[in-house]
Amino acid sequence: MQQGVCLITPPSTFLMCERVFMSLGILKVAAVLEQAGTFVEMLDLSGVQNFEEAARDHAASTKCCFFGLTATTPQLPAASTICRMIREARPDAHVILGGPHVTLVNAAYKWEREHGIDGRAGRAFGKLRETFDVLVAGDGEEAVFQAIRPGAPGLIDADEPNSQLFLNNARLTELPLPARHLVDVESYKYNIEGTRALSMIAQLGCPFECGFCGGRNSPFLRSRPYAP
């Protein structure tokens, strides 16, 4: 069987229009995999009404045995449904979850453990472990290669500044640009003063520490040094 990777963007049903900004994080992961010679498929379910059926049908027809999903917190219900559809069609599949939600849950879970707390983050993390085969917290560009190895651990934590998997801005500039050719770019409608435009990643993280933001506990979402 072809050891390819199918990457999936779940729908964002809470948005009025889902085809404005394409998900660049998972397209960066796709670009790195392609650069390494790995076969990659992209299943972009943004704005797809019958995404459950689409996910099940694609899983049944593809030769890929690894499925990698990204998800924000509002996207998690759809991501969990897609995972279930994949498992129904392909019991042999390995399903990986990365993205902001698992990163934030993992960061909060680590904080709870450090403070001896048995709280919501630990329960949420446990539910993710029950649902998905491998969780990738933090940067996925390097971590994905560990996630698709035989016997991959249940958690690959790339949200640690001392980890070789943790990117800095210098490393970001060395990586290939997002693999936009894997999605239907023409279906995305983003305009600036009437001129068609696309979003881009110009730096990693945010320099602020707003009290309402869970990202303040995650190095992945904080500002990072430029030099290695």
Protein backbone atom coordinates (compact mmCIF):
# COMPACT_ATOMS: atom_id res chain seq x y z
CA MET A 1 0.00 0.00 0.00
CA GLN A 2 1.27 3.47 -0.81
CA GLN A 3 2.58 5.13 2.35
CA GLY A 4 1.14 8.52 1.46
CA VAL A 5 -0.35 11.17 3.69
CA CYS A 6 -3.80 12.68 3.29
CA LEU A 7 -4.04 16.05 5.03
CA ILE A 8 -7.49 17.36 5.89
CA THR A 9 -8.88 20.79 6.70
CA PRO A 10 -12.23 20.40 8.53
CA PRO A 11 -15.08 22.79 7.81
CA SER A 12 -15.59 25.91 9.92
CA THR A 13 -19.38 25.89 10.09
CA PHE A 14 -19.40 28.84 12.52
CA LEU A 15 -18.16 31.22 9.78
CA MET A 16 -20.44 33.09 7.40
CA CYS A 17 -18.05 32.33 4.54
CA GLU A 18 -15.45 29.59 4.87
CA ARG A 19 -13.66 30.27 1.60
CA VAL A 20 -11.83 33.47 2.54
CA PHE A 21 -8.55 32.48 4.21
CA MET A 22 -7.12 29.07 3.43
CA SER A 23 -5.47 27.16 6.27
CA LEU A 24 -1.77 27.85 5.72
CA GLY A 25 -0.39 25.81 8.62
CA ILE A 26 -1.42 22.47 7.18
CA LEU A 27 -0.31 23.60 3.70
CA LYS A 28 3.16 24.28 5.18
CA VAL A 29 3.19 20.71 6.49
CA ALA A 30 2.15 19.49 3.04
CA ALA A 31 4.97 21.44 1.40
CA VAL A 32 7.59 19.98 3.75
CA LEU A 33 6.32 16.45 3.11
CA GLU A 34 6.40 16.98 -0.65
CA GLN A 35 9.92 18.38 -0.45
CA ALA A 36 10.97 15.16 1.28
CA GLY A 37 9.44 13.08 -1.52
CA THR A 38 6.34 11.94 0.38
CA PHE A 39 3.13 11.56 -1.59
CA VAL A 40 0.57 14.08 -0.26
CA GLU A 41 -3.15 14.54 -0.84
CA MET A 42 -5.09 17.53 0.45
CA LEU A 43 -8.76 17.18 1.33
CA ASP A 44 -10.05 20.70 1.88
CA LEU A 45 -13.51 20.45 3.42
CA SER A 46 -13.93 24.18 4.04
CA GLY A 47 -17.49 25.08 3.12
CA VAL A 48 -18.41 21.51 2.15
CA GLN A 49 -21.92 20.83 3.45
CA ASN A 50 -21.79 17.03 3.23
CA PHE A 51 -18.28 16.84 4.69
CA GLU A 52 -19.01 13.58 6.54
CA GLU A 53 -19.83 11.77 3.32
CA ALA A 54 -16.95 13.42 1.48
CA ALA A 55 -14.48 12.32 4.16
CA ARG A 56 -15.80 8.75 4.23
CA ASP A 57 -15.77 8.39 0.44
CA HIS A 58 -12.28 9.81 0.11
CA ALA A 59 -10.94 7.57 2.86
CA ALA A 60 -12.44 4.54 1.11
CA SER A 61 -10.88 5.40 -2.25
CA THR A 62 -7.43 6.77 -1.36
CA LYS A 63 -4.33 4.64 -1.03
CA CYS A 64 -2.98 6.83 1.75
CA CYS A 65 -2.83 5.16 5.15
CA PHE A 66 -1.99 8.27 7.19
CA PHE A 67 -4.59 11.00 7.70
CA GLY A 68 -3.57 14.27 9.30
CA LEU A 69 -6.15 16.80 10.48
CA THR A 70 -5.73 20.33 11.76
CA ALA A 71 -8.33 21.89 14.04
CA THR A 72 -9.07 25.01 15.98
CA THR A 73 -11.33 24.55 19.00
CA PRO A 74 -14.55 25.39 17.07
CA GLN A 75 -13.49 22.92 14.37
CA LEU A 76 -12.95 20.04 16.78
CA PRO A 77 -16.49 18.54 16.57
CA ALA A 78 -16.16 18.33 12.79
CA ALA A 79 -12.63 16.92 13.09
CA SER A 80 -13.86 14.22 15.47
CA THR A 81 -16.67 13.34 13.05
CA ILE A 82 -14.20 13.13 10.16
CA CYS A 83 -11.99 10.85 12.24
CA ARG A 84 -14.97 8.55 12.83
CA MET A 85 -15.80 8.50 9.12
CA ILE A 86 -12.20 7.60 8.29
CA ARG A 87 -12.18 4.74 10.77
CA GLU A 88 -15.45 3.37 9.40
CA ALA A 89 -14.07 3.33 5.86
CA ARG A 90 -10.49 2.43 6.72
CA PRO A 91 -9.93 0.52 9.95
CA ASP A 92 -6.23 0.30 9.06
CA ALA A 93 -5.78 4.07 8.94
CA HIS A 94 -3.63 6.10 11.32
CA VAL A 95 -5.28 9.41 12.21
CA ILE A 96 -3.17 12.34 13.41
CA LEU A 97 -4.47 15.57 14.95
CA GLY A 98 -2.47 18.79 15.00
CA GLY A 99 -3.25 22.47 15.07
CA PRO A 100 -4.20 25.12 17.65
CA HIS A 101 -6.73 23.10 19.68
CA VAL A 102 -4.49 20.18 20.61
CA THR A 103 -1.60 22.60 21.18
CA LEU A 104 -3.59 24.70 23.65
CA VAL A 105 -5.06 21.67 25.43
CA ASN A 106 -1.61 20.15 25.79
CA ALA A 107 -0.17 23.42 27.15
CA ALA A 108 -2.99 23.69 29.69
CA TYR A 109 -2.59 20.03 30.64
CA LYS A 110 1.12 20.52 31.28
CA TRP A 111 0.30 23.54 33.46
CA GLU A 112 -2.19 21.47 35.45
CA ARG A 113 0.34 18.71 36.02
CA GLU A 114 2.98 21.20 37.16
CA HIS A 115 0.53 22.53 39.74
CA GLY A 116 -0.87 19.16 40.82
CA ILE A 117 -4.32 19.87 39.39
CA ASP A 118 -6.70 17.24 38.02
CA GLY A 119 -8.76 19.54 35.85
CA ARG A 120 -10.55 20.17 32.58
CA ALA A 121 -7.42 20.21 30.45
CA GLY A 122 -6.43 16.74 31.59
CA ARG A 123 -9.88 15.39 30.79
CA ALA A 124 -9.89 17.11 27.39
CA PHE A 125 -6.44 15.74 26.63
CA GLY A 126 -7.56 12.24 27.57
CA LYS A 127 -10.53 12.51 25.21
CA LEU A 128 -8.23 13.53 22.36
CA ARG A 129 -5.96 10.55 23.07
CA GLU A 130 -8.99 8.24 22.90
CA THR A 131 -10.11 9.67 19.57
CA PHE A 132 -6.89 10.07 17.57
CA ASP A 133 -3.85 7.83 17.15
CA VAL A 134 -1.23 10.57 17.37
CA LEU A 135 -1.44 14.12 18.70
CA VAL A 136 0.99 16.77 17.46
CA ALA A 137 1.26 19.83 19.69
CA GLY A 138 3.04 22.90 18.34
CA ASP A 139 4.91 23.07 15.06
CA GLY A 140 4.01 20.28 12.66
CA GLU A 141 6.56 20.87 9.90
CA GLU A 142 9.22 18.66 11.48
CA ALA A 143 6.99 16.72 13.86
CA VAL A 144 4.92 15.19 11.05
CA PHE A 145 7.82 12.91 10.11
CA GLN A 146 7.78 11.42 13.59
CA ALA A 147 4.00 11.13 13.49
CA ILE A 148 4.04 8.92 10.38
CA ARG A 149 6.78 6.61 11.60
CA PRO A 150 5.86 3.07 12.67
CA GLY A 151 5.22 2.97 16.40
CA ALA A 152 4.80 6.73 16.70
CA PRO A 153 4.07 7.89 20.27
CA GLY A 154 0.62 9.09 21.21
CA LEU A 155 1.91 12.64 21.69
CA ILE A 156 4.62 14.47 19.81
CA ASP A 157 5.25 17.67 21.72
CA ALA A 158 6.81 20.28 19.43
CA ASP A 159 5.63 23.05 21.74
CA GLU A 160 8.87 23.05 23.70
CA PRO A 161 11.44 25.77 22.86
CA ASN A 162 14.32 23.38 23.59
CA SER A 163 12.97 20.76 21.18
CA GLN A 164 14.54 20.35 17.75
CA LEU A 165 10.97 20.31 16.42
CA PHE A 166 10.31 23.87 17.65
CA LEU A 167 10.75 26.38 14.82
CA ASN A 168 12.29 29.81 15.00
CA ASN A 169 11.81 32.50 12.38
CA ALA A 170 15.16 31.72 10.77
CA ARG A 171 14.16 28.10 10.24
CA LEU A 172 10.76 29.22 8.93
CA THR A 173 12.43 31.13 6.09
CA GLU A 174 14.29 27.97 5.03
CA LEU A 175 11.14 25.89 4.68
CA PRO A 176 9.14 25.75 1.44
CA LEU A 177 6.16 28.02 0.92
CA PRO A 178 2.67 26.61 1.64
CA ALA A 179 1.57 24.04 -0.95
CA ARG A 180 -1.30 26.14 -2.30
CA HIS A 181 -1.35 24.05 -5.46
CA LEU A 182 -3.02 21.28 -3.46
CA VAL A 183 -6.19 23.32 -2.88
CA ASP A 184 -8.64 25.09 -5.17
CA VAL A 185 -7.21 28.60 -4.81
CA GLU A 186 -9.79 30.05 -7.21
CA SER A 187 -12.59 29.10 -4.83
CA TYR A 188 -11.20 31.39 -2.10
CA LYS A 189 -12.51 34.95 -2.25
CA TYR A 190 -10.33 37.46 -0.41
CA ASN A 191 -10.20 41.00 -1.72
CA ILE A 192 -8.46 44.16 -0.53
CA GLU A 193 -10.09 47.29 -1.97
CA GLY A 194 -11.33 45.28 -4.91
CA THR A 195 -8.00 43.59 -5.61
CA ARG A 196 -7.74 39.82 -5.22
CA ALA A 197 -5.34 38.83 -2.44
CA LEU A 198 -4.05 35.89 -0.41
CA SER A 199 -2.97 35.65 3.21
CA MET A 200 0.58 34.79 4.23
CA ILE A 201 2.67 33.85 7.27
CA ALA A 202 5.16 36.66 8.00
CA GLN A 203 6.30 35.69 11.50
CA LEU A 204 5.73 33.08 14.16
CA GLY A 205 3.75 33.73 17.30
CA CYS A 206 2.31 36.78 19.03
CA PRO A 207 4.34 39.17 21.25
CA PHE A 208 1.42 39.94 23.59
CA GLU A 209 0.24 38.15 26.73
CA CYS A 210 -3.46 38.99 26.83
CA GLY A 211 -5.12 37.52 29.90
CA PHE A 212 -8.10 36.16 27.97
CA CYS A 213 -5.93 34.18 25.52
CA GLY A 214 -5.02 30.57 26.25
CA GLY A 215 -2.11 30.96 23.86
CA ARG A 216 -0.13 32.86 26.49
CA ASN A 217 0.77 29.47 28.02
CA SER A 218 1.97 28.01 24.73
CA PRO A 219 5.45 28.85 23.35
CA PHE A 220 4.06 27.87 19.93
CA LEU A 221 1.73 30.87 19.98
CA ARG A 222 4.14 33.32 21.65
CA SER A 223 6.70 35.42 19.75
CA ARG A 224 9.96 33.65 18.97
CA PRO A 225 13.58 34.68 18.44
CA TYR A 226 14.79 35.07 14.90
CA ALA A 227 18.19 33.49 15.40
CA PRO A 228 18.60 29.73 16.02
